[in-house]
Amino acid sequence: MCKRIYISLVVISMAFTVKGQLHPLLDHYYLNGMVINPAYAGSQEALSFGLSGRNQWVGFEGAPKSFTFNLHTPLKNKKVNLGLVVFSEKVGSLQENGISVAYAYRNRLWNGKLSLGLAAGVSELSENQELVRVINSNDQVLDQKYENHLSPLFSFGLYYYTRNFYVGLSVPQFNNKYQPKSFLNTQQKNLSVNAFNYLGVLGYLVKLPRQFELYPSLFFKTIPNEDAQLDINLNLIYNEKFWCGAGYRSDNSISAMVQLLMSPRLRVGYSYGYDMTGLGSYHNGSHEIILMYTFKNIVDAMSPRYF
C-alpha cells in the first residue's frame, strides 16, 4: 500500500510541474540539436531531418513520453538557414503538442562557423481527465474542468562549431507561461529571467589510432534559483560508422548508447537509461530511439559530421 501511495504522489507531482522541469531530457542531444537550439539549423551543411522518441520510466503509470520531428537546411547563399520542429510530450494526464520555425544566420569565424538562431511557434496544452483517478471525491482542485491552452513560443540560441569541436548556448521557449498556477486558472506569474531554461552544450572529437575516435560531450541545463542538471557522455567511434558510449546524468541516472551509420546519409541510434535512485525499482528503465537522414549537400560540407 505504501508503494502505491508513493508512486501516485510522484505521478501527480510530475503532472502538475510538467513545465517547471528542466527542458528537455535527451540522451542523443548531440544529434538532436534542433530540439534544444534554433542556431543549430543548417549546421549539417545539407537538408536533414530527424525523428526521435523517448519512453521514460517504462512500466511506470503516467510516466513521460515524448516524440520530436525536425527538418533543417542551409539556403544557397550559405549564411541563411531554416528549420522546423514538431513535438509532442505527455506526462500523466497532461499532453503538450507544438510546432516552431527557426531562422539561423551563420558566418565563418576563426576556424569554424558561428550561428545565431531565433525560433517562433505555438503549443497547446491539454488534459485527458479520463486518466485522472480522484481518491478524494471532494477535492475541488482535481475536480475542475480544464480547457485547452494555446501559447506562443519563442527561442533563442548561439552555436559555434569546427570540424572537431562545438559549443552552444540557448534559451528555449522562454515565454511559455504554462506554469502550474496558470493551468489551474489562478493568477499567472510575470515572466522572469530566473524562470527560463538555460541550456549549454559542449563536445570535442579526439582522433585515436587504428580508425578509432573518442567523443566526450556535456549538456548543462539550469533554471536559476531552482534546479540544475549536467549530462556527461563519452562515445567511442570506430571507422566513422559504429558508436558505443555511456552517459551519466547528475540526477543519479546512467545510460548506455549505440549508434550505426547505415549509409553515408542514414544514421540510427538507441539508448537505455537506468535510474539509480529509489525510483528505479518501480520501473524498467528509459528508452530513446533516434533516426537521422541527410540529403545531398547544398553547400560544401565539413565531412564527416558527428554533431
C-alpha atoms as a PDB file:
ATOM      1  CA  MET A   1       0.000   0.000   0.000  1.00  0.00           C
ATOM      2  CA  CYS A   2       2.833   2.409   0.857  1.00  0.00           C
ATOM      3  CA  LYS A   3       4.450   1.757  -2.529  1.00  0.00           C
ATOM      4  CA  ARG A   4       1.204   2.542  -4.336  1.00  0.00           C
ATOM      5  CA  ILE A   5       0.784   5.776  -2.419  1.00  0.00           C
ATOM      6  CA  TYR A   6       4.408   6.740  -3.168  1.00  0.00           C
ATOM      7  CA  ILE A   7       4.001   6.083  -6.898  1.00  0.00           C
ATOM      8  CA  SER A   8       0.728   8.015  -7.023  1.00  0.00           C
ATOM      9  CA  LEU A   9       2.297  11.034  -5.347  1.00  0.00           C
ATOM     10  CA  VAL A  10       5.232  11.020  -7.770  1.00  0.00           C
ATOM     11  CA  VAL A  11       2.966  10.882 -10.842  1.00  0.00           C
ATOM     12  CA  ILE A  12       0.742  13.679  -9.501  1.00  0.00           C
ATOM     13  CA  SER A  13       3.858  15.751  -8.815  1.00  0.00           C
ATOM     14  CA  MET A  14       5.089  15.210 -12.389  1.00  0.00           C
ATOM     15  CA  ALA A  15       1.712  16.121 -13.867  1.00  0.00           C
ATOM     16  CA  PHE A  16       1.461  19.459 -12.094  1.00  0.00           C
ATOM     17  CA  THR A  17       5.093  20.526 -12.620  1.00  0.00           C
ATOM     18  CA  VAL A  18       5.366  19.476 -16.256  1.00  0.00           C
ATOM     19  CA  LYS A  19       6.514  22.940 -17.354  1.00  0.00           C
ATOM     20  CA  GLY A  20       8.673  23.548 -14.296  1.00  0.00           C
ATOM     21  CA  GLN A  21      11.041  20.730 -15.135  1.00  0.00           C
ATOM     22  CA  LEU A  22      14.332  21.159 -16.938  1.00  0.00           C
ATOM     23  CA  HIS A  23      13.815  21.001 -20.683  1.00  0.00           C
ATOM     24  CA  PRO A  24      14.494  18.755 -22.466  1.00  0.00           C
ATOM     25  CA  LEU A  25      15.556  15.255 -21.335  1.00  0.00           C
ATOM     26  CA  LEU A  26      17.643  13.700 -24.135  1.00  0.00           C
ATOM     27  CA  ASP A  27      20.474  11.193 -24.340  1.00  0.00           C
ATOM     28  CA  HIS A  28      21.285  11.945 -28.010  1.00  0.00           C
ATOM     29  CA  TYR A  29      21.383  15.703 -27.534  1.00  0.00           C
ATOM     30  CA  TYR A  30      24.498  15.997 -29.720  1.00  0.00           C
ATOM     31  CA  LEU A  31      22.470  14.728 -32.708  1.00  0.00           C
ATOM     32  CA  ASN A  32      19.156  16.352 -31.801  1.00  0.00           C
ATOM     33  CA  GLY A  33      20.412  19.913 -31.752  1.00  0.00           C
ATOM     34  CA  MET A  34      17.357  21.464 -33.401  1.00  0.00           C
ATOM     35  CA  VAL A  35      15.222  20.481 -30.406  1.00  0.00           C
ATOM     36  CA  ILE A  36      17.360  22.452 -27.961  1.00  0.00           C
ATOM     37  CA  ASN A  37      18.873  25.278 -30.026  1.00  0.00           C
ATOM     38  CA  PRO A  38      17.461  27.091 -33.103  1.00  0.00           C
ATOM     39  CA  ALA A  39      21.002  28.166 -34.061  1.00  0.00           C
ATOM     40  CA  TYR A  40      21.690  24.507 -34.942  1.00  0.00           C
ATOM     41  CA  ALA A  41      19.633  24.933 -38.137  1.00  0.00           C
ATOM     42  CA  GLY A  42      21.685  24.189 -41.243  1.00  0.00           C
ATOM     43  CA  SER A  43      24.775  23.043 -39.351  1.00  0.00           C
ATOM     44  CA  GLN A  44      24.720  19.641 -41.068  1.00  0.00           C
ATOM     45  CA  GLU A  45      25.556  21.624 -44.229  1.00  0.00           C
ATOM     46  CA  ALA A  46      22.708  19.840 -46.050  1.00  0.00           C
ATOM     47  CA  LEU A  47      18.975  19.263 -45.975  1.00  0.00           C
ATOM     48  CA  SER A  48      18.498  16.983 -42.957  1.00  0.00           C
ATOM     49  CA  PHE A  49      15.637  15.550 -40.980  1.00  0.00           C
ATOM     50  CA  GLY A  50      15.448  13.644 -37.731  1.00  0.00           C
ATOM     51  CA  LEU A  51      12.938  11.602 -35.745  1.00  0.00           C
ATOM     52  CA  SER A  52      13.293  10.785 -32.078  1.00  0.00           C
ATOM     53  CA  GLY A  53      11.132   9.140 -29.466  1.00  0.00           C
ATOM     54  CA  ARG A  54      11.678   8.722 -25.751  1.00  0.00           C
ATOM     55  CA  ASN A  55       9.745   6.455 -23.400  1.00  0.00           C
ATOM     56  CA  GLN A  56      10.869   7.259 -19.882  1.00  0.00           C
ATOM     57  CA  TRP A  57      10.409   5.005 -16.851  1.00  0.00           C
ATOM     58  CA  VAL A  58       8.827   2.114 -18.775  1.00  0.00           C
ATOM     59  CA  GLY A  59       6.188   0.323 -16.701  1.00  0.00           C
ATOM     60  CA  PHE A  60       5.578   3.379 -14.520  1.00  0.00           C
ATOM     61  CA  GLU A  61       1.970   4.543 -14.933  1.00  0.00           C
ATOM     62  CA  GLY A  62       1.765   8.094 -16.243  1.00  0.00           C
ATOM     63  CA  ALA A  63       5.495   8.293 -16.989  1.00  0.00           C
ATOM     64  CA  PRO A  64       6.777  10.883 -19.520  1.00  0.00           C
ATOM     65  CA  LYS A  65       6.735  10.108 -23.239  1.00  0.00           C
ATOM     66  CA  SER A  66       7.973  12.400 -25.989  1.00  0.00           C
ATOM     67  CA  PHE A  67       8.262  12.500 -29.783  1.00  0.00           C
ATOM     68  CA  THR A  68      10.041  15.034 -31.974  1.00  0.00           C
ATOM     69  CA  PHE A  69      10.443  15.633 -35.703  1.00  0.00           C
ATOM     70  CA  ASN A  70      12.869  18.190 -37.062  1.00  0.00           C
ATOM     71  CA  LEU A  71      13.842  19.388 -40.512  1.00  0.00           C
ATOM     72  CA  HIS A  72      16.529  21.960 -41.292  1.00  0.00           C
ATOM     73  CA  THR A  73      18.603  23.150 -44.219  1.00  0.00           C
ATOM     74  CA  PRO A  74      21.022  25.871 -45.334  1.00  0.00           C
ATOM     75  CA  LEU A  75      19.996  28.062 -48.242  1.00  0.00           C
ATOM     76  CA  LYS A  76      22.150  28.645 -51.299  1.00  0.00           C
ATOM     77  CA  ASN A  77      23.771  31.821 -50.025  1.00  0.00           C
ATOM     78  CA  LYS A  78      25.374  29.647 -47.273  1.00  0.00           C
ATOM     79  CA  LYS A  79      24.584  32.100 -44.471  1.00  0.00           C
ATOM     80  CA  VAL A  80      20.819  31.833 -44.082  1.00  0.00           C
ATOM     81  CA  ASN A  81      19.387  28.608 -42.627  1.00  0.00           C
ATOM     82  CA  LEU A  82      15.853  27.464 -41.883  1.00  0.00           C
ATOM     83  CA  GLY A  83      14.458  24.794 -39.581  1.00  0.00           C
ATOM     84  CA  LEU A  84      11.230  23.212 -38.365  1.00  0.00           C
ATOM     85  CA  VAL A  85      10.489  21.332 -35.121  1.00  0.00           C
ATOM     86  CA  VAL A  86       7.303  19.428 -34.293  1.00  0.00           C
ATOM     87  CA  PHE A  87       6.993  17.913 -30.817  1.00  0.00           C
ATOM     88  CA  SER A  88       4.599  16.052 -28.567  1.00  0.00           C
ATOM     89  CA  GLU A  89       5.124  15.425 -24.847  1.00  0.00           C
ATOM     90  CA  LYS A  90       2.894  13.542 -22.436  1.00  0.00           C
ATOM     91  CA  VAL A  91       3.154  13.293 -18.649  1.00  0.00           C
ATOM     92  CA  GLY A  92       0.337  11.682 -16.702  1.00  0.00           C
ATOM     93  CA  SER A  93      -2.941  13.173 -17.893  1.00  0.00           C
ATOM     94  CA  LEU A  94      -1.287  16.237 -19.477  1.00  0.00           C
ATOM     95  CA  GLN A  95      -0.157  16.473 -23.097  1.00  0.00           C
ATOM     96  CA  GLU A  96       1.574  19.272 -24.974  1.00  0.00           C
ATOM     97  CA  ASN A  97       1.825  19.452 -28.774  1.00  0.00           C
ATOM     98  CA  GLY A  98       3.710  22.163 -30.564  1.00  0.00           C
ATOM     99  CA  ILE A  99       5.441  23.397 -33.695  1.00  0.00           C
ATOM    100  CA  SER A 100       8.118  26.037 -34.240  1.00  0.00           C
ATOM    101  CA  VAL A 101      10.022  27.510 -37.180  1.00  0.00           C
ATOM    102  CA  ALA A 102      13.677  28.522 -36.820  1.00  0.00           C
ATOM    103  CA  TYR A 103      15.836  31.059 -38.612  1.00  0.00           C
ATOM    104  CA  ALA A 104      19.618  30.979 -38.209  1.00  0.00           C
ATOM    105  CA  TYR A 105      22.245  33.309 -39.623  1.00  0.00           C
ATOM    106  CA  ARG A 106      25.691  31.752 -39.879  1.00  0.00           C
ATOM    107  CA  ASN A 107      29.094  33.175 -40.734  1.00  0.00           C
ATOM    108  CA  ARG A 108      32.684  31.995 -40.641  1.00  0.00           C
ATOM    109  CA  LEU A 109      34.667  32.771 -37.508  1.00  0.00           C
ATOM    110  CA  TRP A 110      38.281  31.682 -36.959  1.00  0.00           C
ATOM    111  CA  ASN A 111      38.457  28.016 -37.993  1.00  0.00           C
ATOM    112  CA  GLY A 112      34.739  27.339 -37.743  1.00  0.00           C
ATOM    113  CA  LYS A 113      31.296  28.881 -38.051  1.00  0.00           C
ATOM    114  CA  LEU A 114      29.178  30.915 -35.646  1.00  0.00           C
ATOM    115  CA  SER A 115      25.385  30.779 -35.895  1.00  0.00           C
ATOM    116  CA  LEU A 116      22.734  32.980 -34.292  1.00  0.00           C
ATOM    117  CA  GLY A 117      19.252  31.472 -34.219  1.00  0.00           C
ATOM    118  CA  LEU A 118      15.704  32.525 -33.425  1.00  0.00           C
ATOM    119  CA  ALA A 119      12.555  30.394 -33.419  1.00  0.00           C
ATOM    120  CA  ALA A 120       8.841  31.120 -33.123  1.00  0.00           C
ATOM    121  CA  GLY A 121       5.891  28.798 -32.866  1.00  0.00           C
ATOM    122  CA  VAL A 122       2.849  27.733 -30.891  1.00  0.00           C
ATOM    123  CA  SER A 123       1.992  24.933 -28.491  1.00  0.00           C
ATOM    124  CA  GLU A 124      -1.183  23.526 -26.987  1.00  0.00           C
ATOM    125  CA  LEU A 125      -1.531  22.057 -23.508  1.00  0.00           C
ATOM    126  CA  SER A 126      -4.472  19.762 -22.816  1.00  0.00           C
ATOM    127  CA  GLU A 127      -5.596  17.287 -20.201  1.00  0.00           C
ATOM    128  CA  ASN A 128      -7.342  13.938 -20.566  1.00  0.00           C
ATOM    129  CA  GLN A 129      -9.395  13.820 -17.387  1.00  0.00           C
ATOM    130  CA  GLU A 130     -10.337  10.203 -18.026  1.00  0.00           C
ATOM    131  CA  LEU A 131      -6.787   9.367 -16.921  1.00  0.00           C
ATOM    132  CA  VAL A 132      -7.186  11.143 -13.580  1.00  0.00           C
ATOM    133  CA  ARG A 133      -8.274   8.939 -10.695  1.00  0.00           C
ATOM    134  CA  VAL A 134      -9.541  11.129  -7.858  1.00  0.00           C
ATOM    135  CA  ILE A 135      -9.095   9.463  -4.458  1.00  0.00           C
ATOM    136  CA  ASN A 136     -10.889  12.226  -2.606  1.00  0.00           C
ATOM    137  CA  SER A 137     -14.141  12.994  -4.419  1.00  0.00           C
ATOM    138  CA  ASN A 138     -14.382  16.296  -2.523  1.00  0.00           C
ATOM    139  CA  ASP A 139     -11.055  17.587  -3.876  1.00  0.00           C
ATOM    140  CA  GLN A 140     -12.142  20.781  -5.644  1.00  0.00           C
ATOM    141  CA  VAL A 141      -8.808  21.296  -7.395  1.00  0.00           C
ATOM    142  CA  LEU A 142      -8.689  17.918  -9.111  1.00  0.00           C
ATOM    143  CA  ASP A 143     -12.411  18.095  -9.870  1.00  0.00           C
ATOM    144  CA  GLN A 144     -12.121  21.233 -12.011  1.00  0.00           C
ATOM    145  CA  LYS A 145     -12.828  21.148 -15.739  1.00  0.00           C
ATOM    146  CA  TYR A 146      -9.824  22.461 -17.648  1.00  0.00           C
ATOM    147  CA  GLU A 147      -9.784  23.958 -21.099  1.00  0.00           C
ATOM    148  CA  ASN A 148      -7.008  23.536 -23.642  1.00  0.00           C
ATOM    149  CA  HIS A 149      -4.446  26.333 -23.578  1.00  0.00           C
ATOM    150  CA  LEU A 150      -2.633  27.790 -26.577  1.00  0.00           C
ATOM    151  CA  SER A 151       0.608  29.705 -26.121  1.00  0.00           C
ATOM    152  CA  PRO A 152       3.144  31.299 -28.499  1.00  0.00           C
ATOM    153  CA  LEU A 153       6.712  30.026 -28.255  1.00  0.00           C
ATOM    154  CA  PHE A 154       9.964  31.904 -28.815  1.00  0.00           C
ATOM    155  CA  SER A 155      13.508  30.550 -28.553  1.00  0.00           C
ATOM    156  CA  PHE A 156      16.990  31.996 -28.914  1.00  0.00           C
ATOM    157  CA  GLY A 157      20.403  30.391 -29.339  1.00  0.00           C
ATOM    158  CA  LEU A 158      24.074  30.667 -30.285  1.00  0.00           C
ATOM    159  CA  TYR A 159      26.078  27.819 -31.795  1.00  0.00           C
ATOM    160  CA  TYR A 160      29.757  27.670 -32.764  1.00  0.00           C
ATOM    161  CA  TYR A 161      31.380  24.635 -34.365  1.00  0.00           C
ATOM    162  CA  THR A 162      34.510  23.490 -36.158  1.00  0.00           C
ATOM    163  CA  ARG A 163      35.382  20.104 -37.645  1.00  0.00           C
ATOM    164  CA  ASN A 164      36.200  18.646 -34.221  1.00  0.00           C
ATOM    165  CA  PHE A 165      34.573  20.953 -31.663  1.00  0.00           C
ATOM    166  CA  TYR A 166      31.257  22.616 -30.841  1.00  0.00           C
ATOM    167  CA  VAL A 167      29.730  24.787 -28.139  1.00  0.00           C
ATOM    168  CA  GLY A 168      26.186  26.102 -27.888  1.00  0.00           C
ATOM    169  CA  LEU A 169      24.005  28.217 -25.608  1.00  0.00           C
ATOM    170  CA  SER A 170      20.238  28.554 -25.845  1.00  0.00           C
ATOM    171  CA  VAL A 171      17.082  29.694 -24.092  1.00  0.00           C
ATOM    172  CA  PRO A 172      14.219  27.505 -25.371  1.00  0.00           C
ATOM    173  CA  GLN A 173      10.563  28.526 -25.119  1.00  0.00           C
ATOM    174  CA  PHE A 174      11.451  31.421 -22.848  1.00  0.00           C
ATOM    175  CA  ASN A 175       7.981  32.980 -22.940  1.00  0.00           C
ATOM    176  CA  ASN A 176       5.975  29.812 -22.276  1.00  0.00           C
ATOM    177  CA  LYS A 177       3.540  30.624 -19.439  1.00  0.00           C
ATOM    178  CA  TYR A 178       2.406  27.044 -18.830  1.00  0.00           C
ATOM    179  CA  GLN A 179       3.151  27.190 -15.133  1.00  0.00           C
ATOM    180  CA  PRO A 180       1.024  25.073 -12.780  1.00  0.00           C
ATOM    181  CA  LYS A 181      -0.837  28.098 -11.390  1.00  0.00           C
ATOM    182  CA  SER A 182      -1.883  29.348 -14.827  1.00  0.00           C
ATOM    183  CA  PHE A 183      -3.193  25.911 -15.760  1.00  0.00           C
ATOM    184  CA  LEU A 184      -5.250  25.792 -12.578  1.00  0.00           C
ATOM    185  CA  ASN A 185      -6.949  29.049 -13.571  1.00  0.00           C
ATOM    186  CA  THR A 186      -5.280  31.127 -10.857  1.00  0.00           C
ATOM    187  CA  GLN A 187      -3.168  34.229 -11.143  1.00  0.00           C
ATOM    188  CA  GLN A 188      -0.256  33.926 -13.563  1.00  0.00           C
ATOM    189  CA  LYS A 189       3.250  34.868 -12.593  1.00  0.00           C
ATOM    190  CA  ASN A 190       5.073  37.572 -14.509  1.00  0.00           C
ATOM    191  CA  LEU A 191       7.822  36.413 -16.803  1.00  0.00           C
ATOM    192  CA  SER A 192      11.237  36.456 -15.170  1.00  0.00           C
ATOM    193  CA  VAL A 193      14.698  35.631 -16.464  1.00  0.00           C
ATOM    194  CA  ASN A 194      15.090  33.442 -13.388  1.00  0.00           C
ATOM    195  CA  ALA A 195      12.267  31.211 -14.635  1.00  0.00           C
ATOM    196  CA  PHE A 196      13.806  30.493 -18.059  1.00  0.00           C
ATOM    197  CA  ASN A 197      15.601  27.295 -19.021  1.00  0.00           C
ATOM    198  CA  TYR A 198      19.251  27.934 -19.951  1.00  0.00           C
ATOM    199  CA  LEU A 199      20.944  25.176 -21.928  1.00  0.00           C
ATOM    200  CA  GLY A 200      24.603  24.689 -22.792  1.00  0.00           C
ATOM    201  CA  VAL A 201      26.295  22.016 -24.900  1.00  0.00           C
ATOM    202  CA  LEU A 202      29.960  21.252 -25.448  1.00  0.00           C
ATOM    203  CA  GLY A 203      31.715  18.490 -27.369  1.00  0.00           C
ATOM    204  CA  TYR A 204      35.101  17.564 -28.780  1.00  0.00           C
ATOM    205  CA  LEU A 205      36.289  14.851 -31.157  1.00  0.00           C
ATOM    206  CA  VAL A 206      39.650  13.199 -30.385  1.00  0.00           C
ATOM    207  CA  LYS A 207      41.425  11.192 -33.082  1.00  0.00           C
ATOM    208  CA  LEU A 208      42.870   7.843 -31.946  1.00  0.00           C
ATOM    209  CA  PRO A 209      44.988   5.245 -33.765  1.00  0.00           C
ATOM    210  CA  ARG A 210      43.515   2.465 -35.912  1.00  0.00           C
ATOM    211  CA  GLN A 211      40.384   4.274 -37.105  1.00  0.00           C
ATOM    212  CA  PHE A 212      39.129   4.955 -33.572  1.00  0.00           C
ATOM    213  CA  GLU A 213      37.839   8.282 -32.300  1.00  0.00           C
ATOM    214  CA  LEU A 214      36.800   9.416 -28.833  1.00  0.00           C
ATOM    215  CA  TYR A 215      33.901  11.806 -28.446  1.00  0.00           C
ATOM    216  CA  PRO A 216      33.288  13.361 -24.982  1.00  0.00           C
ATOM    217  CA  SER A 217      30.394  15.802 -24.607  1.00  0.00           C
ATOM    218  CA  LEU A 218      28.475  17.784 -21.969  1.00  0.00           C
ATOM    219  CA  PHE A 219      24.897  19.032 -21.740  1.00  0.00           C
ATOM    220  CA  PHE A 220      24.146  21.545 -18.974  1.00  0.00           C
ATOM    221  CA  LYS A 221      20.599  22.650 -18.064  1.00  0.00           C
ATOM    222  CA  THR A 222      19.560  25.111 -15.397  1.00  0.00           C
ATOM    223  CA  ILE A 223      16.674  27.186 -14.120  1.00  0.00           C
ATOM    224  CA  PRO A 224      18.328  29.846 -11.914  1.00  0.00           C
ATOM    225  CA  ASN A 225      17.455  29.605  -8.218  1.00  0.00           C
ATOM    226  CA  GLU A 226      15.522  26.371  -8.855  1.00  0.00           C
ATOM    227  CA  ASP A 227      17.341  23.477 -10.440  1.00  0.00           C
ATOM    228  CA  ALA A 228      20.369  22.422 -12.493  1.00  0.00           C
ATOM    229  CA  GLN A 229      21.397  19.247 -14.257  1.00  0.00           C
ATOM    230  CA  LEU A 230      24.541  18.054 -16.005  1.00  0.00           C
ATOM    231  CA  ASP A 231      24.779  15.252 -18.578  1.00  0.00           C
ATOM    232  CA  ILE A 232      28.217  13.773 -19.288  1.00  0.00           C
ATOM    233  CA  ASN A 233      28.573  11.448 -22.283  1.00  0.00           C
ATOM    234  CA  LEU A 234      31.519   9.557 -23.718  1.00  0.00           C
ATOM    235  CA  ASN A 235      31.325   7.775 -27.081  1.00  0.00           C
ATOM    236  CA  LEU A 236      33.892   5.565 -28.814  1.00  0.00           C
ATOM    237  CA  ILE A 237      33.662   5.623 -32.620  1.00  0.00           C
ATOM    238  CA  TYR A 238      35.130   3.030 -34.976  1.00  0.00           C
ATOM    239  CA  ASN A 239      35.628   3.608 -38.691  1.00  0.00           C
ATOM    240  CA  GLU A 240      33.264   6.633 -38.549  1.00  0.00           C
ATOM    241  CA  LYS A 241      30.309   4.204 -38.522  1.00  0.00           C
ATOM    242  CA  PHE A 242      29.980   2.329 -35.227  1.00  0.00           C
ATOM    243  CA  TRP A 243      29.351   4.170 -31.984  1.00  0.00           C
ATOM    244  CA  CYS A 244      29.068   2.894 -28.433  1.00  0.00           C
ATOM    245  CA  GLY A 245      29.029   5.004 -25.319  1.00  0.00           C
ATOM    246  CA  ALA A 246      27.849   5.697 -21.818  1.00  0.00           C
ATOM    247  CA  GLY A 247      26.393   8.685 -20.037  1.00  0.00           C
ATOM    248  CA  TYR A 248      25.858   9.965 -16.521  1.00  0.00           C
ATOM    249  CA  ARG A 249      23.168  12.438 -15.509  1.00  0.00           C
ATOM    250  CA  SER A 250      23.519  14.372 -12.273  1.00  0.00           C
ATOM    251  CA  ASP A 251      20.063  13.268 -11.106  1.00  0.00           C
ATOM    252  CA  ASN A 252      21.820   9.946 -10.431  1.00  0.00           C
ATOM    253  CA  SER A 253      20.930   8.084 -13.618  1.00  0.00           C
ATOM    254  CA  ILE A 254      23.145   6.365 -16.187  1.00  0.00           C
ATOM    255  CA  SER A 255      22.674   5.406 -19.827  1.00  0.00           C
ATOM    256  CA  ALA A 256      24.198   3.164 -22.487  1.00  0.00           C
ATOM    257  CA  MET A 257      24.145   4.220 -26.138  1.00  0.00           C
ATOM    258  CA  VAL A 258      24.773   2.625 -29.518  1.00  0.00           C
ATOM    259  CA  GLN A 259      24.678   4.201 -32.951  1.00  0.00           C
ATOM    260  CA  LEU A 260      25.163   2.984 -36.508  1.00  0.00           C
ATOM    261  CA  LEU A 261      25.863   4.942 -39.656  1.00  0.00           C
ATOM    262  CA  MET A 262      23.993   2.605 -42.009  1.00  0.00           C
ATOM    263  CA  SER A 263      24.942   4.633 -45.093  1.00  0.00           C
ATOM    264  CA  PRO A 264      26.690   7.970 -45.704  1.00  0.00           C
ATOM    265  CA  ARG A 265      23.298   9.623 -45.170  1.00  0.00           C
ATOM    266  CA  LEU A 266      21.295   7.405 -42.797  1.00  0.00           C
ATOM    267  CA  ARG A 267      22.007   7.186 -39.062  1.00  0.00           C
ATOM    268  CA  VAL A 268      20.136   5.306 -36.310  1.00  0.00           C
ATOM    269  CA  GLY A 269      20.751   5.328 -32.568  1.00  0.00           C
ATOM    270  CA  TYR A 270      19.379   3.790 -29.391  1.00  0.00           C
ATOM    271  CA  SER A 271      19.936   4.429 -25.686  1.00  0.00           C
ATOM    272  CA  TYR A 272      18.845   2.749 -22.488  1.00  0.00           C
ATOM    273  CA  GLY A 273      18.726   4.672 -19.234  1.00  0.00           C
ATOM    274  CA  TYR A 274      18.669   3.344 -15.679  1.00  0.00           C
ATOM    275  CA  ASP A 275      17.654   5.303 -12.600  1.00  0.00           C
ATOM    276  CA  MET A 276      19.955   4.625  -9.628  1.00  0.00           C
ATOM    277  CA  THR A 277      17.643   6.318  -7.119  1.00  0.00           C
ATOM    278  CA  GLY A 278      14.924   4.560  -5.162  1.00  0.00           C
ATOM    279  CA  LEU A 279      12.537   5.245  -8.036  1.00  0.00           C
ATOM    280  CA  GLY A 280      14.476   2.809 -10.233  1.00  0.00           C
ATOM    281  CA  SER A 281      12.927  -0.209  -8.532  1.00  0.00           C
ATOM    282  CA  TYR A 282       9.448   0.822  -9.738  1.00  0.00           C
ATOM    283  CA  HIS A 283      10.125   0.886 -13.491  1.00  0.00           C
ATOM    284  CA  ASN A 284      12.055  -0.875 -16.255  1.00  0.00           C
ATOM    285  CA  GLY A 285      14.334   1.924 -17.396  1.00  0.00           C
ATOM    286  CA  SER A 286      14.071   4.535 -20.140  1.00  0.00           C
ATOM    287  CA  HIS A 287      14.391   4.013 -23.899  1.00  0.00           C
ATOM    288  CA  GLU A 288      15.283   6.519 -26.597  1.00  0.00           C
ATOM    289  CA  ILE A 289      15.475   5.981 -30.370  1.00  0.00           C
ATOM    290  CA  ILE A 290      16.712   8.444 -32.974  1.00  0.00           C
ATOM    291  CA  LEU A 291      16.812   8.322 -36.785  1.00  0.00           C
ATOM    292  CA  MET A 292      18.518  10.899 -38.983  1.00  0.00           C
ATOM    293  CA  TYR A 293      18.782  11.279 -42.737  1.00  0.00           C
ATOM    294  CA  THR A 294      20.900  13.821 -44.607  1.00  0.00           C
ATOM    295  CA  PHE A 295      20.239  14.566 -48.260  1.00  0.00           C
ATOM    296  CA  LYS A 296      22.762  15.648 -50.873  1.00  0.00           C
ATOM    297  CA  ASN A 297      24.806  18.604 -49.710  1.00  0.00           C
ATOM    298  CA  ILE A 298      23.520  22.006 -50.731  1.00  0.00           C
ATOM    299  CA  VAL A 299      26.795  23.703 -49.792  1.00  0.00           C
ATOM    300  CA  ASP A 300      30.331  22.491 -49.236  1.00  0.00           C
ATOM    301  CA  ALA A 301      30.225  20.313 -46.116  1.00  0.00           C
ATOM    302  CA  MET A 302      32.757  19.658 -43.400  1.00  0.00           C
ATOM    303  CA  SER A 303      32.520  15.869 -43.705  1.00  0.00           C
ATOM    304  CA  PRO A 304      32.039  13.617 -41.867  1.00  0.00           C
ATOM    305  CA  ARG A 305      29.735  15.329 -39.359  1.00  0.00           C
ATOM    306  CA  TYR A 306      29.340  13.957 -35.836  1.00  0.00           C
ATOM    307  CA  PHE A 307      27.159  16.704 -34.377  1.00  0.00           C
END
